[in-house]
Amino acid sequence: MEHAVLERPGQVDRSAAKDFEQILRLVSAAAGVPYATVRIFDEFRNVQLISVGFDRTQPTVDELSVIPFRVGPTVWTAGTANDYQVHPWISGAPGAVQFYASMPLISAVGDVLGMLFLFDVEPRETGPAMTPLLEDAAGVLVGLLERRRQARVNGQLAEQLGKTTRDLVSRQEFITTLLETVDAGILAADENGRLIVFNRAAREWHGLDADHDLLPEQHALRYNLFHADGITSMAPGEVPLARTMRDGRVRSLEMVIAPEGMAHTRVLASGNTVIGPDGTRLGAVVVLHDVTSERAAQDERDLAMGELAAKNVELEEANHLKLDLIGMLGHEINSPLCTIIGYTENWENIPADRRDQCVTAIDRNAHRLSDIVREVLALVALDAGKLTARPQPSRVARHIVTANAINNESPEVRCSDLATALVQPGHLDQILSNLLTNARKYGGGATLIDVTSGGGVVRISVEDQGPGVPEEFRASLFQRFSRSDTTAGRISGTGLGLYIVRELARANQGDIEYRPRPGGGSIFTIVLPGLI
């Protein structure tokens, strides 16, 4: 049981004493009794709060068991034949009480709060008005006690509320400091999807403060949100906050924040809805983690791995080229070298009438070696990526005459003197020479060189009437070291001639085509840019 006048068990709130003293004086005067007192009870003690008519006004405290009392109607005792004569006054002197009356102070819920006492050293009889007087006085005292109690409860509640408010403010400061300190972007929206939290990292990445008036469908455009490709704008329903509000959660959604005039930030977004105790959706929270540097490092690693893989392929191709080249040279160089060495080592034993024939054979094989060297050098340049072309206007007819003379060929030529190709002259000479050599080896010699122009291109076709190219070999006709099984065993060659022709043509923005000649044979056509 708590009383407003008891600050602690046995300790009186002095501020209440004056109010009680005024009431006691009124009751004492109205009853015509010189002495009155109020005692307050708690679970442990009874406390004499205030008295009137005595010399001593200091409240006293007695054990509850010392002063007997009973709850009920007013107790009247008149004359000297009563138990109260033996009790001392609060001053310590013998009481010699001849008149005694009491009224319990009972709260509205039945708690005994204390007692109102009236005393006199003279016997007296009371009239019928005494009981209502004491009941009214007790009611006033109970009301005062209740108001004091409620005031103290209110004070305690106010103090607790103040403490709770201070705690909440302190916690809010901690939360705000935390949000502003972390390097993750943190966004929160209310139940309508409007932003209520937009921390420092989020503001820095977006280059904007939160716009609390924006509707959720306006976020993608306002905050420059793009898909992971950094190009495709997000639709309103694809924004992580909107998806979280709709689906309940989002996990590791990659996107790009791309404000104009600022560095772009690549982030992973994860979010959850906030649900109240009653199941009501209160809003959503999304956390953004910056993965820009991580993705850049990953891209660099992927690029490095790609370059390494490409280098490995190049090394493997170079190794294959080396092996193919060694095999080809071992086969193609051996025969002409053996012929030249055989003639020169036995030169003194060769009859004079045969030496001219031997010189011719040596010259032919020396030219063969020269052709091989030229083709190998061209191959090396092509494989190293060092083949470049400086195209210039070149009269095709003049180059055909030169190629025929060098290769000792005399095919029919159909070419206007004005036909002009944009090609590096030396490349055109080697193209024509290789095509004439190919026709001689595999087709019995070129029978026709036909040149046409129009539509910005010049087409140079070299025909022969040989057996043609087997159909199964045509797909690999222009690959390096490519030799048909039907001719490789009986016709010498490096398998580089047509490959070099194609690469020279392409270096000059042209190409080569093959088609069978009607009636038998082959037609190889070089297509080059021409003057319009």
Foldseek 3Di string as FASTA:
>chain_A
DDWLQAPDVPRGNLVCLVVLVVLQVVLCVVQVFQKKWKWFDDPWWIKTRAMGNDPDTDIDIDTPVVDDDDADAKDWAAAQPDPQQQDPDPVRHGDCWHIKIKHFQAEPVGDTGTMMMTTHNHGDDGDPVSRVSRVVSSVVVNVSRVVSVVVVVVVVVVVVVVVVVVVVVVVVVVVLVVQQPDLKWKWWAFLQLFTDDTYDNNCVQQVHDGDRPDGQQCCQVNSVKAAQVSPHGDGSCRPQQNVCSVVFKDFQGWIWGDDPPDDIFIWGKIKGFDADPVRHTGIMMIIIDTCPVVVVVVVVVVVVVVVVVVVVVLVVVVVVVVVLLVVQCVPQLVVLVCLLVVCVVCVVVDDPVCVVVSVVSNVVSVVSVVVVVVLVVLVVCVSVVNDAWDWDKDQLVVLLVVLCVVVVADAAEAGDSPWIFGTRSVLSNLLNNLVQVVCVQAAVGWHYWYWDDDPQKIKTKTWGARQADPPVQVVCQQPAQRDDPVPPVPTRDRSRSSVSSQVRLVSQVWGWDKDADVVGTIMIMTMGGTDD
